Protein backbone atom coordinates (compact mmCIF):
# COMPACT_ATOMS: atom_id res chain seq x y z
CA MET A 1 22.09 -8.28 27.88
CA ALA A 2 19.42 -6.44 25.93
CA THR A 3 19.57 -2.67 25.86
CA ARG A 4 16.60 -0.99 27.51
CA THR A 5 15.06 2.41 26.87
CA ARG A 6 12.42 3.56 29.33
CA GLY A 7 11.61 -0.02 30.28
CA LEU A 8 11.37 -1.31 26.70
CA VAL A 9 13.85 -3.61 25.02
CA LYS A 10 15.22 -1.96 21.87
CA SER A 11 13.81 -3.69 18.82
CA LEU A 12 17.30 -4.37 17.49
CA HIS A 13 17.80 -6.82 20.35
CA GLN A 14 14.43 -8.55 20.20
CA PRO A 15 14.19 -12.11 18.85
CA GLU A 16 11.57 -10.98 16.33
CA ASN A 17 14.08 -8.61 14.73
CA ARG A 18 16.63 -11.43 14.45
CA LEU A 19 13.97 -13.59 12.81
CA LEU A 20 13.08 -10.83 10.33
CA CYS A 21 16.75 -10.57 9.37
CA GLU A 22 16.86 -14.34 8.82
CA LEU A 23 13.72 -14.26 6.68
CA LEU A 24 15.16 -11.52 4.48
CA ALA A 25 18.46 -13.38 4.12
CA GLU A 26 16.54 -16.56 3.20
CA ALA A 27 14.53 -14.62 0.60
CA ARG A 28 17.74 -13.22 -0.88
CA GLU A 29 19.35 -16.63 -1.07
CA LYS A 30 16.18 -18.15 -2.56
CA VAL A 31 16.39 -15.81 -5.56
CA GLY A 32 20.12 -16.42 -5.90
CA LEU A 33 21.38 -12.94 -5.10
CA SER A 34 24.59 -12.17 -3.27
CA GLN A 35 24.62 -9.38 -0.72
CA GLU A 36 26.58 -7.31 -3.22
CA LYS A 37 24.04 -7.79 -6.03
CA LEU A 38 21.15 -6.93 -3.72
CA ALA A 39 23.03 -3.87 -2.52
CA LYS A 40 23.44 -2.70 -6.12
CA ARG A 41 19.69 -3.08 -6.70
CA LEU A 42 19.08 -1.01 -3.59
CA LYS A 43 21.77 1.53 -4.54
CA ARG A 44 23.38 0.89 -1.17
CA THR A 45 26.63 -0.66 -0.03
CA GLN A 46 27.13 -4.37 0.59
CA SER A 47 27.81 -3.54 4.24
CA PHE A 48 24.24 -2.15 4.54
CA VAL A 49 22.90 -5.60 3.61
CA ALA A 50 25.44 -7.38 5.82
CA LYS A 51 24.60 -5.20 8.80
CA TYR A 52 20.84 -5.72 8.70
CA GLU A 53 21.20 -9.44 7.93
CA GLY A 54 23.65 -9.76 10.80
CA GLY A 55 21.35 -7.95 13.21
CA GLU A 56 23.67 -4.96 13.63
CA ARG A 57 21.26 -2.55 11.98
CA ARG A 58 17.52 -2.12 12.35
CA LEU A 59 15.34 -1.59 9.29
CA ASP A 60 12.50 0.87 9.09
CA VAL A 61 9.31 0.09 7.19
CA VAL A 62 10.35 1.97 4.06
CA GLU A 63 13.66 0.09 3.92
CA PHE A 64 11.89 -3.23 4.48
CA LEU A 65 9.55 -2.50 1.57
CA ALA A 66 12.44 -1.48 -0.70
CA ILE A 67 14.32 -4.67 0.13
CA SER A 68 11.22 -6.80 -0.46
CA ARG A 69 10.70 -5.09 -3.83
CA ALA A 70 14.36 -5.58 -4.81
CA LEU A 71 14.02 -9.29 -3.97
CA GLY A 72 10.75 -9.63 -5.86
CA ALA A 73 9.25 -10.83 -2.58
CA ASP A 74 5.82 -10.11 -1.15
CA PRO A 75 6.31 -8.06 2.04
CA ILE A 76 2.96 -9.23 3.40
CA ARG A 77 4.06 -12.85 3.01
CA ILE A 78 7.31 -12.11 4.85
CA MET A 79 5.36 -10.46 7.68
CA ARG A 80 3.01 -13.44 7.90
CA GLN A 81 6.01 -15.77 8.10
CA LEU A 82 7.46 -13.58 10.87
CA MET A 83 4.21 -13.60 12.79
CA ARG A 84 3.81 -17.36 12.42
CA ARG A 85 7.38 -18.23 13.40
CA ALA A 86 7.52 -15.74 16.25
CA ALA A 87 3.99 -16.55 17.43
CA ILE A 88 3.14 -12.85 17.40
């Protein structure tokens, strides 16, 4: 069951968050990076990457932009894909 806060479903448990995690994992795989190599680029641990890709951790906007940059991906393109796939 989704966790609720003041009547709102926490974003970590929303399908759109799961889809964002999938899009970022796809982008990482597309450029041929392991979670460990991406983590090194981000100066973070491999578990940081595993947790957001697995939906255990929510990303803020600054983190999303840093990950996009580390992947050489266009964050606007990723957002458009999210909006299209999630019908937002």
